[in-house]
Amino acid sequence: MNEDSVLNSLDMVPYCDKDMFFDATSKILTINPRDNFLSNTQYTILINNKAKSGNLISLEEDYKLVFTTGT
């Protein structure tokens, strides 16, 4: 992936301070929240279609990941 384009295209709702980094191959993105997630809360991670591959090809559509924390 084009790391800068992915990092600039990523939003997390609700917002939380986080550290983000890619592995050596630029294929795996790790997101580490700086504080604990809130209990019983739905989070959405959105990477919009401005994110680009290593060949500078844009995503065809936004990528959305939704998860809910427990107690």
C-alpha atoms as a PDB file:
ATOM      1  CA  MET A   1       0.000   0.000   0.000  1.00  0.00           C
ATOM      2  CA  ASN A   2       0.979   3.615  -0.386  1.00  0.00           C
ATOM      3  CA  GLU A   3       1.396   4.238   3.329  1.00  0.00           C
ATOM      4  CA  ASP A   4       0.824   8.000   3.381  1.00  0.00           C
ATOM      5  CA  SER A   5      -2.363   7.783   1.324  1.00  0.00           C
ATOM      6  CA  VAL A   6      -3.777   5.064   3.593  1.00  0.00           C
ATOM      7  CA  LEU A   7      -2.905   6.863   6.821  1.00  0.00           C
ATOM      8  CA  ASN A   8      -4.406  10.111   5.489  1.00  0.00           C
ATOM      9  CA  SER A   9      -7.569   8.299   4.349  1.00  0.00           C
ATOM     10  CA  LEU A  10      -8.289   6.552   7.646  1.00  0.00           C
ATOM     11  CA  ASP A  11     -10.914   7.693  10.145  1.00  0.00           C
ATOM     12  CA  MET A  12     -12.060   6.044  13.346  1.00  0.00           C
ATOM     13  CA  VAL A  13     -15.442   6.745  14.962  1.00  0.00           C
ATOM     14  CA  PRO A  14     -15.677   7.436  17.789  1.00  0.00           C
ATOM     15  CA  TYR A  15     -12.326   9.170  17.587  1.00  0.00           C
ATOM     16  CA  CYS A  16      -9.465   7.886  19.721  1.00  0.00           C
ATOM     17  CA  ASP A  17      -5.779   8.756  19.838  1.00  0.00           C
ATOM     18  CA  LYS A  18      -3.864   5.989  18.130  1.00  0.00           C
ATOM     19  CA  ASP A  19      -0.521   4.960  16.724  1.00  0.00           C
ATOM     20  CA  MET A  20      -0.533   3.445  13.237  1.00  0.00           C
ATOM     21  CA  PHE A  21       2.275   1.688  11.437  1.00  0.00           C
ATOM     22  CA  PHE A  22       2.865  -0.701   8.538  1.00  0.00           C
ATOM     23  CA  ASP A  23       4.976  -3.838   8.519  1.00  0.00           C
ATOM     24  CA  ALA A  24       8.139  -4.037   6.395  1.00  0.00           C
ATOM     25  CA  THR A  25       6.138  -5.126   3.314  1.00  0.00           C
ATOM     26  CA  SER A  26       3.632  -2.232   3.598  1.00  0.00           C
ATOM     27  CA  LYS A  27       0.828  -4.804   3.451  1.00  0.00           C
ATOM     28  CA  ILE A  28      -0.227  -5.014   7.111  1.00  0.00           C
ATOM     29  CA  LEU A  29      -1.421  -1.947   8.996  1.00  0.00           C
ATOM     30  CA  THR A  30      -1.436  -2.081  12.787  1.00  0.00           C
ATOM     31  CA  ILE A  31      -3.572   0.372  14.749  1.00  0.00           C
ATOM     32  CA  ASN A  32      -2.816   0.679  18.468  1.00  0.00           C
ATOM     33  CA  PRO A  33      -5.115   2.860  20.575  1.00  0.00           C
ATOM     34  CA  ARG A  34      -3.225   4.950  23.117  1.00  0.00           C
ATOM     35  CA  ASP A  35      -5.971   4.423  25.714  1.00  0.00           C
ATOM     36  CA  ASN A  36      -8.346   1.541  26.341  1.00  0.00           C
ATOM     37  CA  PHE A  37     -11.420   1.351  24.145  1.00  0.00           C
ATOM     38  CA  LEU A  38     -14.692   2.294  25.835  1.00  0.00           C
ATOM     39  CA  SER A  39     -16.791  -0.640  27.074  1.00  0.00           C
ATOM     40  CA  ASN A  40     -19.891  -1.679  25.114  1.00  0.00           C
ATOM     41  CA  THR A  41     -19.083   0.722  22.287  1.00  0.00           C
ATOM     42  CA  GLN A  42     -19.342   0.276  18.530  1.00  0.00           C
ATOM     43  CA  TYR A  43     -16.285   1.499  16.630  1.00  0.00           C
ATOM     44  CA  THR A  44     -16.002   2.054  12.895  1.00  0.00           C
ATOM     45  CA  ILE A  45     -12.718   2.197  11.004  1.00  0.00           C
ATOM     46  CA  LEU A  46     -13.134   3.722   7.556  1.00  0.00           C
ATOM     47  CA  ILE A  47     -10.485   3.903   4.849  1.00  0.00           C
ATOM     48  CA  ASN A  48     -11.870   6.019   2.022  1.00  0.00           C
ATOM     49  CA  ASN A  49     -11.254   5.403  -1.661  1.00  0.00           C
ATOM     50  CA  LYS A  50      -8.436   7.960  -1.789  1.00  0.00           C
ATOM     51  CA  ALA A  51      -6.152   5.286  -0.301  1.00  0.00           C
ATOM     52  CA  LYS A  52      -3.800   3.871  -2.923  1.00  0.00           C
ATOM     53  CA  SER A  53      -1.948   0.647  -3.530  1.00  0.00           C
ATOM     54  CA  GLY A  54       1.813   0.499  -3.909  1.00  0.00           C
ATOM     55  CA  ASN A  55       1.187   1.021  -7.643  1.00  0.00           C
ATOM     56  CA  LEU A  56      -0.814   4.189  -6.842  1.00  0.00           C
ATOM     57  CA  ILE A  57      -4.152   2.621  -7.798  1.00  0.00           C
ATOM     58  CA  SER A  58      -7.040   3.942  -5.690  1.00  0.00           C
ATOM     59  CA  LEU A  59      -9.430   1.673  -3.836  1.00  0.00           C
ATOM     60  CA  GLU A  60     -12.552   1.033  -5.899  1.00  0.00           C
ATOM     61  CA  GLU A  61     -14.746   1.776  -2.887  1.00  0.00           C
ATOM     62  CA  ASP A  62     -14.422   2.765   0.744  1.00  0.00           C
ATOM     63  CA  TYR A  63     -13.400   0.021   3.172  1.00  0.00           C
ATOM     64  CA  LYS A  64     -15.356  -0.146   6.414  1.00  0.00           C
ATOM     65  CA  LEU A  65     -14.668  -2.281   9.488  1.00  0.00           C
ATOM     66  CA  VAL A  66     -17.141  -2.234  12.387  1.00  0.00           C
ATOM     67  CA  PHE A  67     -16.611  -3.882  15.761  1.00  0.00           C
ATOM     68  CA  THR A  68     -18.151  -3.626  19.212  1.00  0.00           C
ATOM     69  CA  THR A  69     -16.263  -3.867  22.469  1.00  0.00           C
ATOM     70  CA  GLY A  70     -17.461  -5.923  25.418  1.00  0.00           C
ATOM     71  CA  THR A  71     -17.745  -5.092  29.080  1.00  0.00           C
END
